Amino acid sequence: MQRKKITQYQLIKGGIDNKTLDKLKKNGNITLLTLEKLCNLLDCAPNDIVKFHVKKD
């Protein structure tokens, strides 16, 4: 958000609600629809937002 100079307010206006933003701050789960909205608002790719961790057994 800082690199793109987008505020939390702008994300809310773009359709991302406060609960979702709180989840993101706490590394919680989000839906693919939310990921798509964020990518559109931030003009980025999903891998710029999400990091996948592979668990080894």
C-alpha atoms as a PDB file:
ATOM      1  CA  MET A   1       0.000   0.000   0.000  1.00  0.00           C
ATOM      2  CA  GLN A   2       2.792   2.400   0.837  1.00  0.00           C
ATOM      3  CA  ARG A   3       4.582   1.808  -2.472  1.00  0.00           C
ATOM      4  CA  LYS A   4       1.350   2.406  -4.379  1.00  0.00           C
ATOM      5  CA  LYS A   5       0.376   5.324  -2.113  1.00  0.00           C
ATOM      6  CA  ILE A   6      -3.035   3.799  -1.401  1.00  0.00           C
ATOM      7  CA  THR A   7      -4.672   4.375   1.952  1.00  0.00           C
ATOM      8  CA  GLN A   8      -6.856   2.050   3.989  1.00  0.00           C
ATOM      9  CA  TYR A   9      -9.719   4.435   3.283  1.00  0.00           C
ATOM     10  CA  GLN A  10      -9.233   3.944  -0.466  1.00  0.00           C
ATOM     11  CA  LEU A  11      -9.332   0.168  -0.010  1.00  0.00           C
ATOM     12  CA  ILE A  12     -12.579   0.459   1.931  1.00  0.00           C
ATOM     13  CA  LYS A  13     -14.041   2.667  -0.810  1.00  0.00           C
ATOM     14  CA  GLY A  14     -12.883   0.019  -3.312  1.00  0.00           C
ATOM     15  CA  GLY A  15     -14.916  -2.714  -1.621  1.00  0.00           C
ATOM     16  CA  ILE A  16     -12.577  -4.155   1.016  1.00  0.00           C
ATOM     17  CA  ASP A  17     -14.275  -4.061   4.419  1.00  0.00           C
ATOM     18  CA  ASN A  18     -12.676  -3.325   7.791  1.00  0.00           C
ATOM     19  CA  LYS A  19     -12.945  -6.945   8.970  1.00  0.00           C
ATOM     20  CA  THR A  20     -11.000  -8.131   5.949  1.00  0.00           C
ATOM     21  CA  LEU A  21      -8.332  -5.486   6.439  1.00  0.00           C
ATOM     22  CA  ASP A  22      -8.010  -6.578  10.064  1.00  0.00           C
ATOM     23  CA  LYS A  23      -7.583 -10.216   8.932  1.00  0.00           C
ATOM     24  CA  LEU A  24      -4.867  -9.160   6.525  1.00  0.00           C
ATOM     25  CA  LYS A  25      -2.999  -7.299   9.239  1.00  0.00           C
ATOM     26  CA  LYS A  26      -3.083 -10.477  11.358  1.00  0.00           C
ATOM     27  CA  ASN A  27      -2.056 -12.749   8.448  1.00  0.00           C
ATOM     28  CA  GLY A  28      -5.533 -14.286   8.355  1.00  0.00           C
ATOM     29  CA  ASN A  29      -7.290 -16.005   5.467  1.00  0.00           C
ATOM     30  CA  ILE A  30      -9.039 -14.087   2.716  1.00  0.00           C
ATOM     31  CA  THR A  31     -11.227 -15.186  -0.179  1.00  0.00           C
ATOM     32  CA  LEU A  32     -10.106 -15.285  -3.788  1.00  0.00           C
ATOM     33  CA  LEU A  33     -12.642 -12.557  -4.533  1.00  0.00           C
ATOM     34  CA  THR A  34     -10.954 -10.326  -1.954  1.00  0.00           C
ATOM     35  CA  LEU A  35      -7.553 -11.165  -3.434  1.00  0.00           C
ATOM     36  CA  GLU A  36      -8.834 -10.195  -6.867  1.00  0.00           C
ATOM     37  CA  LYS A  37     -10.201  -6.890  -5.533  1.00  0.00           C
ATOM     38  CA  LEU A  38      -6.904  -6.115  -3.811  1.00  0.00           C
ATOM     39  CA  CYS A  39      -4.919  -6.894  -6.950  1.00  0.00           C
ATOM     40  CA  ASN A  40      -7.146  -4.608  -8.998  1.00  0.00           C
ATOM     41  CA  LEU A  41      -6.960  -1.785  -6.451  1.00  0.00           C
ATOM     42  CA  LEU A  42      -3.203  -2.094  -5.972  1.00  0.00           C
ATOM     43  CA  ASP A  43      -2.478  -2.904  -9.642  1.00  0.00           C
ATOM     44  CA  CYS A  44      -0.427  -5.951  -8.750  1.00  0.00           C
ATOM     45  CA  ALA A  45      -0.334  -9.746  -9.086  1.00  0.00           C
ATOM     46  CA  PRO A  46      -1.561 -12.199  -6.415  1.00  0.00           C
ATOM     47  CA  ASN A  47       2.001 -13.292  -5.592  1.00  0.00           C
ATOM     48  CA  ASP A  48       2.767  -9.673  -4.645  1.00  0.00           C
ATOM     49  CA  ILE A  49       0.222 -10.026  -1.815  1.00  0.00           C
ATOM     50  CA  VAL A  50       0.147 -13.712  -0.861  1.00  0.00           C
ATOM     51  CA  LYS A  51       3.001 -15.907   0.249  1.00  0.00           C
ATOM     52  CA  PHE A  52       2.501 -19.675   0.187  1.00  0.00           C
ATOM     53  CA  HIS A  53       4.284 -21.919   2.662  1.00  0.00           C
ATOM     54  CA  VAL A  54       4.726 -25.603   1.931  1.00  0.00           C
ATOM     55  CA  LYS A  55       4.650 -27.830   4.997  1.00  0.00           C
ATOM     56  CA  LYS A  56       7.011 -30.761   4.942  1.00  0.00           C
ATOM     57  CA  ASP A  57       5.873 -33.860   6.802  1.00  0.00           C
END
